[in-house]
Amino acid sequence: MQANNYDVLVYVPARTIPSDFLGGAIPITVVLDKSGVMIARMEDGRDYTNPEILRALNELGESN
């Protein structure tokens, strides 16, 4: 991440990822709230530079 100057948080799971998170699709995006509850699951790629996606993720990060 540093070698490519990526400015994104990356988390490594401490345990096995539940199968309902991943399903059979690649790529997949799973969004969890602060308590670890899945609030969104999207199959296929996403443009994470899209202002709407950035705004939604920032709002999620700031919420309780």
C-alpha atoms as a PDB file:
ATOM      1  CA  MET A   1       0.000   0.000   0.000  1.00  0.00           C
ATOM      2  CA  GLN A   2       2.767   2.453   0.866  1.00  0.00           C
ATOM      3  CA  ALA A   3       4.845   1.583  -2.208  1.00  0.00           C
ATOM      4  CA  ASN A   4       1.925   2.586  -4.442  1.00  0.00           C
ATOM      5  CA  ASN A   5       0.942   5.574  -2.298  1.00  0.00           C
ATOM      6  CA  TYR A   6      -2.584   4.257  -1.729  1.00  0.00           C
ATOM      7  CA  ASP A   7      -4.618   6.273   0.752  1.00  0.00           C
ATOM      8  CA  VAL A   8      -7.098   3.647   1.923  1.00  0.00           C
ATOM      9  CA  LEU A   9      -7.492   1.629   5.096  1.00  0.00           C
ATOM     10  CA  VAL A  10      -6.920  -2.098   4.743  1.00  0.00           C
ATOM     11  CA  TYR A  11      -8.008  -4.571   7.378  1.00  0.00           C
ATOM     12  CA  VAL A  12      -6.930  -8.182   7.667  1.00  0.00           C
ATOM     13  CA  PRO A  13      -9.533 -10.503   9.191  1.00  0.00           C
ATOM     14  CA  ALA A  14      -8.691 -12.060  12.540  1.00  0.00           C
ATOM     15  CA  ARG A  15     -10.923 -15.091  11.795  1.00  0.00           C
ATOM     16  CA  THR A  16     -12.616 -16.842   8.918  1.00  0.00           C
ATOM     17  CA  ILE A  17     -14.954 -14.582   6.963  1.00  0.00           C
ATOM     18  CA  PRO A  18     -18.590 -15.775   7.092  1.00  0.00           C
ATOM     19  CA  SER A  19     -19.760 -17.253   3.790  1.00  0.00           C
ATOM     20  CA  ASP A  20     -22.815 -14.955   3.631  1.00  0.00           C
ATOM     21  CA  PHE A  21     -20.387 -12.039   3.356  1.00  0.00           C
ATOM     22  CA  LEU A  22     -18.615 -13.412   0.310  1.00  0.00           C
ATOM     23  CA  GLY A  23     -20.968 -15.661  -1.619  1.00  0.00           C
ATOM     24  CA  GLY A  24     -19.582 -16.661  -4.988  1.00  0.00           C
ATOM     25  CA  ALA A  25     -18.810 -13.301  -6.581  1.00  0.00           C
ATOM     26  CA  ILE A  26     -15.469 -11.634  -7.254  1.00  0.00           C
ATOM     27  CA  PRO A  27     -15.032  -8.741  -6.669  1.00  0.00           C
ATOM     28  CA  ILE A  28     -17.389  -8.048  -3.814  1.00  0.00           C
ATOM     29  CA  THR A  29     -17.734  -5.174  -1.376  1.00  0.00           C
ATOM     30  CA  VAL A  30     -19.055  -5.708   2.130  1.00  0.00           C
ATOM     31  CA  VAL A  31     -19.714  -2.721   4.379  1.00  0.00           C
ATOM     32  CA  LEU A  32     -19.953  -3.324   8.115  1.00  0.00           C
ATOM     33  CA  ASP A  33     -21.087  -0.884  10.746  1.00  0.00           C
ATOM     34  CA  LYS A  34     -18.954  -0.218  13.820  1.00  0.00           C
ATOM     35  CA  SER A  35     -20.467  -3.181  15.649  1.00  0.00           C
ATOM     36  CA  GLY A  36     -19.613  -5.578  12.799  1.00  0.00           C
ATOM     37  CA  VAL A  37     -23.134  -5.898  11.366  1.00  0.00           C
ATOM     38  CA  MET A  38     -23.252  -6.119   7.565  1.00  0.00           C
ATOM     39  CA  ILE A  39     -25.188  -3.137   6.225  1.00  0.00           C
ATOM     40  CA  ALA A  40     -24.325  -3.469   2.532  1.00  0.00           C
ATOM     41  CA  ARG A  41     -23.124  -6.211   0.188  1.00  0.00           C
ATOM     42  CA  MET A  42     -22.422  -5.333  -3.425  1.00  0.00           C
ATOM     43  CA  GLU A  43     -21.230  -7.714  -6.114  1.00  0.00           C
ATOM     44  CA  ASP A  44     -19.071  -6.504  -9.012  1.00  0.00           C
ATOM     45  CA  GLY A  45     -16.622  -3.628  -9.030  1.00  0.00           C
ATOM     46  CA  ARG A  46     -17.266  -0.138  -7.726  1.00  0.00           C
ATOM     47  CA  ASP A  47     -15.693   3.227  -8.509  1.00  0.00           C
ATOM     48  CA  TYR A  48     -14.538   4.335  -5.073  1.00  0.00           C
ATOM     49  CA  THR A  49     -13.557   7.728  -6.459  1.00  0.00           C
ATOM     50  CA  ASN A  50     -17.238   8.441  -7.171  1.00  0.00           C
ATOM     51  CA  PRO A  51     -18.282  11.388  -4.955  1.00  0.00           C
ATOM     52  CA  GLU A  52     -21.557   9.700  -3.952  1.00  0.00           C
ATOM     53  CA  ILE A  53     -19.774   6.565  -2.735  1.00  0.00           C
ATOM     54  CA  LEU A  54     -17.132   8.608  -0.915  1.00  0.00           C
ATOM     55  CA  ARG A  55     -19.815  10.702   0.783  1.00  0.00           C
ATOM     56  CA  ALA A  56     -21.773   7.613   1.886  1.00  0.00           C
ATOM     57  CA  LEU A  57     -18.657   5.928   3.278  1.00  0.00           C
ATOM     58  CA  ASN A  58     -17.584   9.092   5.097  1.00  0.00           C
ATOM     59  CA  GLU A  59     -21.058   9.467   6.610  1.00  0.00           C
ATOM     60  CA  LEU A  60     -20.948   5.864   7.735  1.00  0.00           C
ATOM     61  CA  GLY A  61     -17.547   6.386   9.320  1.00  0.00           C
ATOM     62  CA  GLU A  62     -18.792   9.412  11.238  1.00  0.00           C
ATOM     63  CA  SER A  63     -22.013   7.790  12.463  1.00  0.00           C
ATOM     64  CA  ASN A  64     -22.406   6.132  15.845  1.00  0.00           C
END
